[in-house]
Protein backbone atom coordinates (compact mmCIF):
# COMPACT_ATOMS: atom_id res chain seq x y z
CA GLN A 1 -0.22 0.17 -0.15
CA VAL A 2 1.81 3.28 -1.19
CA GLN A 3 1.03 6.29 1.24
CA LEU A 4 2.62 9.48 1.22
CA VAL A 5 1.88 11.82 4.44
CA GLU A 6 2.93 15.38 4.50
CA SER A 7 3.66 17.19 6.94
CA GLY A 8 5.01 20.70 8.28
CA GLY A 9 1.98 23.28 7.04
CA GLY A 10 0.69 25.62 9.39
CA LEU A 11 0.04 29.72 9.39
CA VAL A 12 3.02 31.65 9.07
CA GLN A 13 3.46 35.81 8.61
CA ALA A 14 4.64 37.38 5.90
CA GLY A 15 8.58 36.87 5.41
CA GLY A 16 8.55 33.91 7.61
CA SER A 17 9.81 30.36 6.73
CA LEU A 18 8.13 26.81 6.59
CA ARG A 19 9.74 23.39 5.43
CA LEU A 20 7.33 20.83 4.30
CA SER A 21 8.17 16.74 4.93
CA CYS A 22 6.50 14.09 2.29
CA ALA A 23 7.28 10.48 3.95
CA ALA A 24 6.52 7.87 1.44
CA SER A 25 6.19 3.86 1.80
CA GLY A 26 4.98 1.35 -0.11
CA ILE A 27 7.23 2.37 -3.24
CA ILE A 28 10.76 2.17 -4.79
CA PHE A 29 11.68 5.48 -3.28
CA SER A 30 15.26 6.10 -5.40
CA ILE A 31 13.19 5.79 -8.60
CA PHE A 32 10.84 8.00 -8.01
CA HIS A 33 10.97 11.76 -9.59
CA MET A 34 9.22 13.57 -6.34
CA GLY A 35 7.48 16.88 -6.97
CA TRP A 36 4.97 19.23 -4.77
CA TYR A 37 1.79 20.87 -6.42
CA ARG A 38 -0.09 23.53 -4.75
CA GLN A 39 -4.03 24.71 -4.66
CA ALA A 40 -5.18 27.75 -3.99
CA PRO A 41 -8.95 28.32 -3.37
CA GLY A 42 -11.02 28.54 -6.44
CA LYS A 43 -7.35 27.69 -8.46
CA GLN A 44 -6.11 25.10 -10.54
CA ARG A 45 -3.22 22.65 -9.11
CA GLU A 46 -0.40 24.05 -9.84
CA LEU A 47 3.63 22.33 -9.83
CA VAL A 48 5.66 24.01 -6.94
CA ALA A 49 8.81 22.01 -7.19
CA VAL A 50 10.29 18.77 -8.60
CA ILE A 51 13.46 16.77 -7.69
CA THR A 52 14.15 13.80 -9.96
CA SER A 53 15.30 10.32 -8.87
CA GLY A 54 18.34 11.65 -10.04
CA GLY A 55 18.73 15.20 -7.75
CA ASN A 56 17.87 17.54 -10.09
CA THR A 57 15.53 19.96 -9.59
CA ASN A 58 13.15 22.28 -11.24
CA TYR A 59 10.84 24.83 -9.98
CA ALA A 60 7.75 27.38 -10.82
CA ASP A 61 9.01 30.50 -11.79
CA SER A 62 6.84 32.56 -8.59
CA VAL A 63 9.01 30.47 -6.31
CA LYS A 64 12.53 30.59 -7.49
CA GLY A 65 14.61 31.87 -5.24
CA ARG A 66 12.87 31.58 -2.44
CA PHE A 67 11.90 27.55 -2.24
CA ALA A 68 14.07 25.09 -1.90
CA ILE A 69 13.56 21.51 -2.69
CA SER A 70 15.45 18.31 -1.36
CA ARG A 71 15.09 14.27 -0.79
CA ASP A 72 16.82 12.40 1.62
CA ASN A 73 16.48 8.30 -0.36
CA ALA A 74 17.88 6.77 3.29
CA LYS A 75 14.74 8.61 4.54
CA LYS A 76 12.12 7.79 1.76
CA THR A 77 11.33 11.49 2.36
CA VAL A 78 11.06 14.90 0.37
CA TYR A 79 11.13 18.04 1.88
CA LEU A 80 10.38 21.94 0.55
CA GLN A 81 12.16 24.86 2.42
CA MET A 82 10.03 27.71 1.64
CA ASN A 83 12.02 31.03 2.92
CA SER A 84 9.98 34.83 2.24
CA LEU A 85 6.88 33.00 2.13
CA LYS A 86 3.87 35.81 0.75
CA PRO A 87 -0.21 35.81 1.07
CA ASP A 88 -0.03 34.28 -2.19
CA ASP A 89 2.04 31.11 -1.44
CA THR A 90 -1.56 30.58 0.65
CA ALA A 91 -2.76 27.01 -0.52
CA VAL A 92 -2.77 23.11 0.30
CA TYR A 93 0.07 21.80 -0.70
CA TYR A 94 0.48 17.92 -1.88
CA CYS A 95 3.55 15.63 -2.60
CA ASN A 96 3.14 13.59 -5.22
CA ALA A 97 5.27 10.75 -6.50
CA GLN A 98 6.14 9.71 -10.20
CA THR A 99 8.02 6.83 -12.18
CA MET A 100 10.03 8.38 -15.29
CA SER A 101 7.60 6.39 -17.55
CA GLY A 102 4.62 8.24 -15.88
CA SER A 103 2.97 4.61 -15.24
CA GLN A 104 2.87 5.27 -11.47
CA THR A 105 1.75 8.33 -9.59
CA TYR A 106 0.93 8.87 -6.39
CA TRP A 107 -0.38 11.67 -4.61
CA GLY A 108 -0.36 12.65 -0.56
CA GLN A 109 -3.29 14.53 1.39
CA GLY A 110 -2.47 17.65 1.33
CA THR A 111 -1.22 20.31 3.58
CA GLN A 112 -2.46 23.42 4.38
CA VAL A 113 0.07 26.27 3.96
CA THR A 114 -1.39 30.04 5.29
CA VAL A 115 0.70 32.99 5.13
CA SER A 116 -1.00 35.84 6.35
CA SER A 117 -0.51 39.70 6.02
């Protein structure tokens, strides 16, 4: 049974920081590309950051220079360090695991991040 469990969300003031974690089980973590997505009320889910199985990273333009994604294969965990948070970063953040071929994809339940102005 595959599980992706996010943690670390919460309420923070603008300019503050949060670190999200996503612990995976039931998958061979090291072969999966891992990503963070977010969905704000009334908006579509969007990609925030992705880290490939090889450790390459990619970010949405809106978070470049402020967010950093990393992974610990030994702990089967992916992280999202979020700095200089803005009210526009308010959303539910979802963890995603996907194989290179896209044949397998899994989602976490989401964690709420709220940034107050």
